[in-house]
PDB file of N, CA and C in Angstrom:
ATOM      1  N   MET A   1      96.635  88.299 113.831  1.00  0.00           N
ATOM      2  CA  MET A   1      97.936  88.389 113.217  1.00  0.00           C
ATOM      3  C   MET A   1      98.262  87.079 112.521  1.00  0.00           C
ATOM      4  N   ASN A   2      99.030  87.185 111.487  1.00  0.00           N
ATOM      5  CA  ASN A   2      99.392  85.961 110.779  1.00  0.00           C
ATOM      6  C   ASN A   2     100.624  85.323 111.424  1.00  0.00           C
ATOM      7  N   ALA A   3     101.105  84.256 110.850  1.00  0.00           N
ATOM      8  CA  ALA A   3     102.158  83.449 111.463  1.00  0.00           C
ATOM      9  C   ALA A   3     103.456  84.206 111.709  1.00  0.00           C
ATOM     10  N   VAL A   4     103.788  85.176 110.890  1.00  0.00           N
ATOM     11  CA  VAL A   4     105.054  85.886 111.066  1.00  0.00           C
ATOM     12  C   VAL A   4     104.903  87.135 111.928  1.00  0.00           C
ATOM     13  N   GLY A   5     103.726  87.346 112.513  1.00  0.00           N
ATOM     14  CA  GLY A   5     103.552  88.445 113.441  1.00  0.00           C
ATOM     15  C   GLY A   5     103.199  89.777 112.809  1.00  0.00           C
ATOM     16  N   ARG A   6     102.951  89.811 111.519  1.00  0.00           N
ATOM     17  CA  ARG A   6     102.569  91.055 110.862  1.00  0.00           C
ATOM     18  C   ARG A   6     101.076  91.032 110.577  1.00  0.00           C
ATOM     19  N   ILE A   7     100.479  92.197 110.600  1.00  0.00           N
ATOM     20  CA  ILE A   7      99.057  92.347 110.331  1.00  0.00           C
ATOM     21  C   ILE A   7      98.903  92.828 108.895  1.00  0.00           C
ATOM     22  N   LYS A   8      98.059  92.146 108.127  1.00  0.00           N
ATOM     23  CA  LYS A   8      97.803  92.556 106.749  1.00  0.00           C
ATOM     24  C   LYS A   8      96.483  93.311 106.701  1.00  0.00           C
ATOM     25  N   ALA A   9      96.534  94.497 106.115  1.00  0.00           N
ATOM     26  CA  ALA A   9      95.327  95.296 105.942  1.00  0.00           C
ATOM     27  C   ALA A   9      95.139  95.560 104.457  1.00  0.00           C
ATOM     28  N   LYS A  10      93.983  95.178 103.958  1.00  0.00           N
ATOM     29  CA  LYS A  10      93.618  95.454 102.575  1.00  0.00           C
ATOM     30  C   LYS A  10      92.664  96.641 102.632  1.00  0.00           C
ATOM     31  N   VAL A  11      93.109  97.780 102.105  1.00  0.00           N
ATOM     32  CA  VAL A  11      92.340  99.022 102.173  1.00  0.00           C
ATOM     33  C   VAL A  11      91.688  99.273 100.819  1.00  0.00           C
ATOM     34  N   LEU A  12      90.357  99.371 100.814  1.00  0.00           N
ATOM     35  CA  LEU A  12      89.594  99.622  99.594  1.00  0.00           C
ATOM     36  C   LEU A  12      89.077 101.052  99.626  1.00  0.00           C
ATOM     37  N   LEU A  13      89.353 101.816  98.578  1.00  0.00           N
ATOM     38  CA  LEU A  13      88.907 103.206  98.507  1.00  0.00           C
ATOM     39  C   LEU A  13      87.677 103.303  97.610  1.00  0.00           C
ATOM     40  N   SER A  14      86.627 103.958  98.099  1.00  0.00           N
ATOM     41  CA  SER A  14      85.425 104.156  97.289  1.00  0.00           C
ATOM     42  C   SER A  14      85.743 105.088  96.124  1.00  0.00           C
ATOM     43  N   ALA A  15      84.906 105.067  95.104  1.00  0.00           N
ATOM     44  CA  ALA A  15      85.129 105.899  93.915  1.00  0.00           C
ATOM     45  C   ALA A  15      85.140 107.378  94.268  1.00  0.00           C
ATOM     46  N   ASN A  16      84.226 107.803  95.154  1.00  0.00           N
ATOM     47  CA  ASN A  16      84.196 109.221  95.499  1.00  0.00           C
ATOM     48  C   ASN A  16      85.440 109.635  96.288  1.00  0.00           C
ATOM     49  N   LEU A  17      86.003 108.741  97.052  1.00  0.00           N
ATOM     50  CA  LEU A  17      87.232 109.045  97.786  1.00  0.00           C
ATOM     51  C   LEU A  17      88.425 109.082  96.828  1.00  0.00           C
ATOM     52  N   ARG A  18      88.460 108.175  95.868  1.00  0.00           N
ATOM     53  CA  ARG A  18      89.548 108.180  94.875  1.00  0.00           C
ATOM     54  C   ARG A  18      89.524 109.459  94.044  1.00  0.00           C
ATOM     55  N   ALA A  19      88.326 110.021  93.825  1.00  0.00           N
ATOM     56  CA  ALA A  19      88.220 111.279  93.078  1.00  0.00           C
ATOM     57  C   ALA A  19      88.902 112.419  93.835  1.00  0.00           C
ATOM     58  N   ILE A  20      88.832 112.381  95.161  1.00  0.00           N
ATOM     59  CA  ILE A  20      89.484 113.396  95.998  1.00  0.00           C
ATOM     60  C   ILE A  20      90.982 113.132  96.076  1.00  0.00           C
ATOM     61  N   LEU A  21      91.351 111.866  96.216  1.00  0.00           N
ATOM     62  CA  LEU A  21      92.744 111.455  96.395  1.00  0.00           C
ATOM     63  C   LEU A  21      93.337 111.041  95.042  1.00  0.00           C
ATOM     64  N   GLU A  22      93.488 111.979  94.167  1.00  0.00           N
ATOM     65  CA  GLU A  22      93.975 111.682  92.823  1.00  0.00           C
ATOM     66  C   GLU A  22      95.265 110.878  92.881  1.00  0.00           C
ATOM     67  N   GLY A  23      95.313 109.836  92.075  1.00  0.00           N
ATOM     68  CA  GLY A  23      96.518 109.018  91.993  1.00  0.00           C
ATOM     69  C   GLY A  23      96.550 107.820  92.924  1.00  0.00           C
ATOM     70  N   LYS A  24      95.617 107.751  93.871  1.00  0.00           N
ATOM     71  CA  LYS A  24      95.578 106.591  94.776  1.00  0.00           C
ATOM     72  C   LYS A  24      94.867 105.433  94.079  1.00  0.00           C
ATOM     73  N   PRO A  25      95.374 104.221  94.228  1.00  0.00           N
ATOM     74  CA  PRO A  25      94.710 103.060  93.613  1.00  0.00           C
ATOM     75  C   PRO A  25      93.444 102.677  94.381  1.00  0.00           C
ATOM     76  N   GLU A  26      92.630 101.853  93.762  1.00  0.00           N
ATOM     77  CA  GLU A  26      91.390 101.393  94.392  1.00  0.00           C
ATOM     78  C   GLU A  26      91.680 100.508  95.603  1.00  0.00           C
ATOM     79  N   VAL A  27      92.755  99.731  95.540  1.00  0.00           N
ATOM     80  CA  VAL A  27      93.115  98.821  96.622  1.00  0.00           C
ATOM     81  C   VAL A  27      94.555  99.092  97.049  1.00  0.00           C
ATOM     82  N   ILE A  28      94.745  99.242  98.347  1.00  0.00           N
ATOM     83  CA  ILE A  28      96.083  99.426  98.919  1.00  0.00           C
ATOM     84  C   ILE A  28      96.282  98.309  99.933  1.00  0.00           C
ATOM     85  N   THR A  29      97.322  97.511  99.753  1.00  0.00           N
ATOM     86  CA  THR A  29      97.617  96.433 100.696  1.00  0.00           C
ATOM     87  C   THR A  29      98.807  96.863 101.550  1.00  0.00           C
ATOM     88  N   VAL A  30      98.628  96.756 102.857  1.00  0.00           N
ATOM     89  CA  VAL A  30      99.633  97.219 103.805  1.00  0.00           C
ATOM     90  C   VAL A  30      99.898  96.118 104.827  1.00  0.00           C
ATOM     91  N   GLU A  31     101.159  95.970 105.227  1.00  0.00           N
ATOM     92  CA  GLU A  31     101.504  95.097 106.349  1.00  0.00           C
ATOM     93  C   GLU A  31     102.038  95.984 107.459  1.00  0.00           C
ATOM     94  N   ILE A  32     101.504  95.792 108.662  1.00  0.00           N
ATOM     95  CA  ILE A  32     101.948  96.586 109.806  1.00  0.00           C
ATOM     96  C   ILE A  32     102.501  95.659 110.885  1.00  0.00           C
ATOM     97  N   ASP A  33     103.437  96.173 111.654  1.00  0.00           N
ATOM     98  CA  ASP A  33     104.128  95.371 112.655  1.00  0.00           C
ATOM     99  C   ASP A  33     103.381  95.251 113.976  1.00  0.00           C
ATOM    100  N   GLN A  34     102.493  96.208 114.249  1.00  0.00           N
ATOM    101  CA  GLN A  34     101.783  96.195 115.524  1.00  0.00           C
ATOM    102  C   GLN A  34     100.394  96.785 115.331  1.00  0.00           C
ATOM    103  N   PRO A  35      99.469  96.490 116.234  1.00  0.00           N
ATOM    104  CA  PRO A  35      98.126  97.060 116.114  1.00  0.00           C
ATOM    105  C   PRO A  35      98.177  98.586 116.057  1.00  0.00           C
ATOM    106  N   MET A  36      97.277  99.159 115.269  1.00  0.00           N
ATOM    107  CA  MET A  36      97.169 100.617 115.183  1.00  0.00           C
ATOM    108  C   MET A  36      95.740 100.985 114.838  1.00  0.00           C
ATOM    109  N   SER A  37      95.394 102.229 115.103  1.00  0.00           N
ATOM    110  CA  SER A  37      94.051 102.699 114.796  1.00  0.00           C
ATOM    111  C   SER A  37      93.915 102.928 113.292  1.00  0.00           C
ATOM    112  N   ILE A  38      92.678 102.982 112.843  1.00  0.00           N
ATOM    113  CA  ILE A  38      92.435 103.291 111.439  1.00  0.00           C
ATOM    114  C   ILE A  38      93.036 104.656 111.111  1.00  0.00           C
ATOM    115  N   LYS A  39      92.875 105.610 112.017  1.00  0.00           N
ATOM    116  CA  LYS A  39      93.421 106.954 111.806  1.00  0.00           C
ATOM    117  C   LYS A  39      94.941 106.897 111.622  1.00  0.00           C
ATOM    118  N   GLU A  40      95.635 106.124 112.444  1.00  0.00           N
ATOM    119  CA  GLU A  40      97.090 105.982 112.309  1.00  0.00           C
ATOM    120  C   GLU A  40      97.459 105.329 110.986  1.00  0.00           C
ATOM    121  N   LEU A  41      96.673 104.332 110.574  1.00  0.00           N
ATOM    122  CA  LEU A  41      96.925 103.673 109.299  1.00  0.00           C
ATOM    123  C   LEU A  41      96.742 104.648 108.144  1.00  0.00           C
ATOM    124  N   LEU A  42      95.708 105.480 108.213  1.00  0.00           N
ATOM    125  CA  LEU A  42      95.483 106.474 107.159  1.00  0.00           C
ATOM    126  C   LEU A  42      96.678 107.404 107.013  1.00  0.00           C
ATOM    127  N   VAL A  43      97.191 107.867 108.124  1.00  0.00           N
ATOM    128  CA  VAL A  43      98.372 108.742 108.083  1.00  0.00           C
ATOM    129  C   VAL A  43      99.555 107.996 107.465  1.00  0.00           C
ATOM    130  N   GLN A  44      99.730 106.738 107.830  1.00  0.00           N
ATOM    131  CA  GLN A  44     100.842 105.930 107.309  1.00  0.00           C
ATOM    132  C   GLN A  44     100.762 105.778 105.784  1.00  0.00           C
ATOM    133  N   ILE A  45      99.542 105.659 105.240  1.00  0.00           N
ATOM    134  CA  ILE A  45      99.410 105.482 103.789  1.00  0.00           C
ATOM    135  C   ILE A  45      99.115 106.816 103.090  1.00  0.00           C
ATOM    136  N   ASP A  46      99.370 107.911 103.796  1.00  0.00           N
ATOM    137  CA  ASP A  46      99.292 109.266 103.240  1.00  0.00           C
ATOM    138  C   ASP A  46      97.882 109.651 102.790  1.00  0.00           C
ATOM    139  N   ILE A  47      96.901 109.356 103.646  1.00  0.00           N
ATOM    140  CA  ILE A  47      95.522 109.787 103.422  1.00  0.00           C
ATOM    141  C   ILE A  47      95.114 110.631 104.627  1.00  0.00           C
ATOM    142  N   ASN A  48      94.655 111.845 104.363  1.00  0.00           N
ATOM    143  CA  ASN A  48      94.210 112.729 105.433  1.00  0.00           C
ATOM    144  C   ASN A  48      92.947 112.126 106.060  1.00  0.00           C
ATOM    145  N   PRO A  49      92.960 111.815 107.349  1.00  0.00           N
ATOM    146  CA  PRO A  49      91.784 111.216 107.998  1.00  0.00           C
ATOM    147  C   PRO A  49      90.520 112.058 107.882  1.00  0.00           C
ATOM    148  N   LEU A  50      90.661 113.364 107.681  1.00  0.00           N
ATOM    149  CA  LEU A  50      89.499 114.239 107.598  1.00  0.00           C
ATOM    150  C   LEU A  50      88.662 114.009 106.337  1.00  0.00           C
ATOM    151  N   VAL A  51      89.257 113.439 105.276  1.00  0.00           N
ATOM    152  CA  VAL A  51      88.487 113.204 104.047  1.00  0.00           C
ATOM    153  C   VAL A  51      87.725 111.880 104.085  1.00  0.00           C
ATOM    154  N   VAL A  52      87.984 111.067 105.087  1.00  0.00           N
ATOM    155  CA  VAL A  52      87.288 109.780 105.215  1.00  0.00           C
ATOM    156  C   VAL A  52      86.065 109.979 106.108  1.00  0.00           C
ATOM    157  N   VAL A  53      84.886 109.769 105.524  1.00  0.00           N
ATOM    158  CA  VAL A  53      83.637 109.973 106.253  1.00  0.00           C
ATOM    159  C   VAL A  53      83.254 108.729 107.044  1.00  0.00           C
ATOM    160  N   MET A  54      83.515 107.543 106.460  1.00  0.00           N
ATOM    161  CA  MET A  54      83.128 106.292 107.117  1.00  0.00           C
ATOM    162  C   MET A  54      84.149 105.211 106.806  1.00  0.00           C
ATOM    163  N   ALA A  55      84.371 104.349 107.791  1.00  0.00           N
ATOM    164  CA  ALA A  55      85.264 103.202 107.610  1.00  0.00           C
ATOM    165  C   ALA A  55      84.511 101.934 108.005  1.00  0.00           C
ATOM    166  N   LEU A  56      84.639 100.918 107.170  1.00  0.00           N
ATOM    167  CA  LEU A  56      84.076  99.604 107.463  1.00  0.00           C
ATOM    168  C   LEU A  56      85.238  98.631 107.607  1.00  0.00           C
ATOM    169  N   VAL A  57      85.246  97.869 108.677  1.00  0.00           N
ATOM    170  CA  VAL A  57      86.271  96.849 108.886  1.00  0.00           C
ATOM    171  C   VAL A  57      85.574  95.498 108.804  1.00  0.00           C
ATOM    172  N   ASN A  58      85.969  94.729 107.802  1.00  0.00           N
ATOM    173  CA  ASN A  58      85.333  93.434 107.543  1.00  0.00           C
ATOM    174  C   ASN A  58      83.813  93.570 107.486  1.00  0.00           C
ATOM    175  N   GLY A  59      83.345  94.677 106.864  1.00  0.00           N
ATOM    176  CA  GLY A  59      81.912  94.891 106.655  1.00  0.00           C
ATOM    177  C   GLY A  59      81.165  95.550 107.797  1.00  0.00           C
ATOM    178  N   THR A  60      81.842  95.853 108.901  1.00  0.00           N
ATOM    179  CA  THR A  60      81.192  96.474 110.058  1.00  0.00           C
ATOM    180  C   THR A  60      81.681  97.909 110.219  1.00  0.00           C
ATOM    181  N   LYS A  61      80.747  98.843 110.367  1.00  0.00           N
ATOM    182  CA  LYS A  61      81.103 100.248 110.541  1.00  0.00           C
ATOM    183  C   LYS A  61      81.915 100.425 111.823  1.00  0.00           C
ATOM    184  N   ARG A  62      83.026 101.136 111.694  1.00  0.00           N
ATOM    185  CA  ARG A  62      83.916 101.386 112.844  1.00  0.00           C
ATOM    186  C   ARG A  62      84.359 102.845 112.846  1.00  0.00           C
ATOM    187  N   SER A  63      84.677 103.363 114.019  1.00  0.00           N
ATOM    188  CA  SER A  63      85.224 104.719 114.107  1.00  0.00           C
ATOM    189  C   SER A  63      86.683 104.688 113.670  1.00  0.00           C
ATOM    190  N   LYS A  64      87.214 105.852 113.379  1.00  0.00           N
ATOM    191  CA  LYS A  64      88.622 105.927 112.963  1.00  0.00           C
ATOM    192  C   LYS A  64      89.566 105.637 114.128  1.00  0.00           C
ATOM    193  N   ASP A  65      89.038 105.583 115.347  1.00  0.00           N
ATOM    194  CA  ASP A  65      89.850 105.225 116.517  1.00  0.00           C
ATOM    195  C   ASP A  65      89.915 103.710 116.730  1.00  0.00           C
ATOM    196  N   PHE A  66      89.137 102.941 115.953  1.00  0.00           N
ATOM    197  CA  PHE A  66      89.137 101.483 116.059  1.00  0.00           C
ATOM    198  C   PHE A  66      90.542 100.945 115.777  1.00  0.00           C
ATOM    199  N   ARG A  67      91.010 100.039 116.631  1.00  0.00           N
ATOM    200  CA  ARG A  67      92.353  99.479 116.484  1.00  0.00           C
ATOM    201  C   ARG A  67      92.325  98.212 115.629  1.00  0.00           C
ATOM    202  N   ILE A  68      93.183  98.189 114.643  1.00  0.00           N
ATOM    203  CA  ILE A  68      93.337  97.021 113.775  1.00  0.00           C
ATOM    204  C   ILE A  68      94.340  96.100 114.460  1.00  0.00           C
ATOM    205  N   GLU A  69      93.861  94.939 114.895  1.00  0.00           N
ATOM    206  CA  GLU A  69      94.708  94.005 115.634  1.00  0.00           C
ATOM    207  C   GLU A  69      94.905  92.683 114.905  1.00  0.00           C
ATOM    208  N   HIS A  70      94.106  92.455 113.845  1.00  0.00           N
ATOM    209  CA  HIS A  70      94.176  91.218 113.070  1.00  0.00           C
ATOM    210  C   HIS A  70      94.078  91.582 111.593  1.00  0.00           C
ATOM    211  N   ASP A  71      94.422  90.645 110.724  1.00  0.00           N
ATOM    212  CA  ASP A  71      94.263  90.870 109.294  1.00  0.00           C
ATOM    213  C   ASP A  71      92.843  91.374 109.035  1.00  0.00           C
ATOM    214  N   ALA A  72      92.710  92.392 108.173  1.00  0.00           N
ATOM    215  CA  ALA A  72      91.399  93.003 107.968  1.00  0.00           C
ATOM    216  C   ALA A  72      91.260  93.588 106.571  1.00  0.00           C
ATOM    217  N   GLU A  73      90.008  93.677 106.138  1.00  0.00           N
ATOM    218  CA  GLU A  73      89.670  94.400 104.920  1.00  0.00           C
ATOM    219  C   GLU A  73      88.959  95.673 105.361  1.00  0.00           C
ATOM    220  N   ILE A  74      89.505  96.808 104.975  1.00  0.00           N
ATOM    221  CA  ILE A  74      88.998  98.099 105.424  1.00  0.00           C
ATOM    222  C   ILE A  74      88.498  98.866 104.210  1.00  0.00           C
ATOM    223  N   THR A  75      87.212  99.194 104.225  1.00  0.00           N
ATOM    224  CA  THR A  75      86.619  99.971 103.145  1.00  0.00           C
ATOM    225  C   THR A  75      86.457 101.406 103.630  1.00  0.00           C
ATOM    226  N   LEU A  76      86.976 102.352 102.844  1.00  0.00           N
ATOM    227  CA  LEU A  76      86.912 103.760 103.207  1.00  0.00           C
ATOM    228  C   LEU A  76      85.971 104.490 102.272  1.00  0.00           C
ATOM    229  N   LEU A  77      85.090 105.294 102.847  1.00  0.00           N
ATOM    230  CA  LEU A  77      84.136 106.054 102.067  1.00  0.00           C
ATOM    231  C   LEU A  77      84.380 107.551 102.264  1.00  0.00           C
ATOM    232  N   GLY A  78      84.302 108.301 101.178  1.00  0.00           N
ATOM    233  CA  GLY A  78      84.488 109.740 101.226  1.00  0.00           C
ATOM    234  C   GLY A  78      83.146 110.451 101.254  1.00  0.00           C
ATOM    235  N   PRO A  79      83.183 111.786 101.244  1.00  0.00           N
ATOM    236  CA  PRO A  79      81.946 112.559 101.272  1.00  0.00           C
ATOM    237  C   PRO A  79      81.146 112.365  99.986  1.00  0.00           C
ATOM    238  N   VAL A  80      79.833 112.461 100.135  1.00  0.00           N
ATOM    239  CA  VAL A  80      78.927 112.312  99.000  1.00  0.00           C
ATOM    240  C   VAL A  80      78.312 113.677  98.715  1.00  0.00           C
ATOM    241  N   ALA A  81      78.329 114.073  97.455  1.00  0.00           N
ATOM    242  CA  ALA A  81      77.721 115.354  97.062  1.00  0.00           C
ATOM    243  C   ALA A  81      76.544 115.073  96.155  1.00  0.00           C
ATOM    244  N   GLY A  82      75.636 115.921  96.171  1.00  0.00           N
ATOM    245  CA  GLY A  82      74.478 115.762  95.295  1.00  0.00           C
ATOM    246  C   GLY A  82      73.517 116.899  95.491  1.00  0.00           C
ATOM    247  N   GLY A  83      72.449 116.832  94.762  1.00  0.00           N
ATOM    248  CA  GLY A  83      71.519 117.936  94.931  1.00  0.00           C
ATOM    249  C   GLY A  83      70.195 117.690  94.310  1.00  0.00           C
TER     250      GLY A  83
END
């Protein structure tokens, strides 16, 4: 947590996830008052947790139940299609 007691989360959306979430920017910066799970953060920023296939917190793969307790950079990846 930073000096004023708020947690800063910088959320980066992958291109394939932005294609699903029309209108969402590539980067969403959020300040939260208390630790919360990635899943709770997704709901707070109006992203359905089911469309997020993988989350990286500061470059490390984490489950959506991982609790954000300190300032973090969170990269979200959506489903990949191909053939």
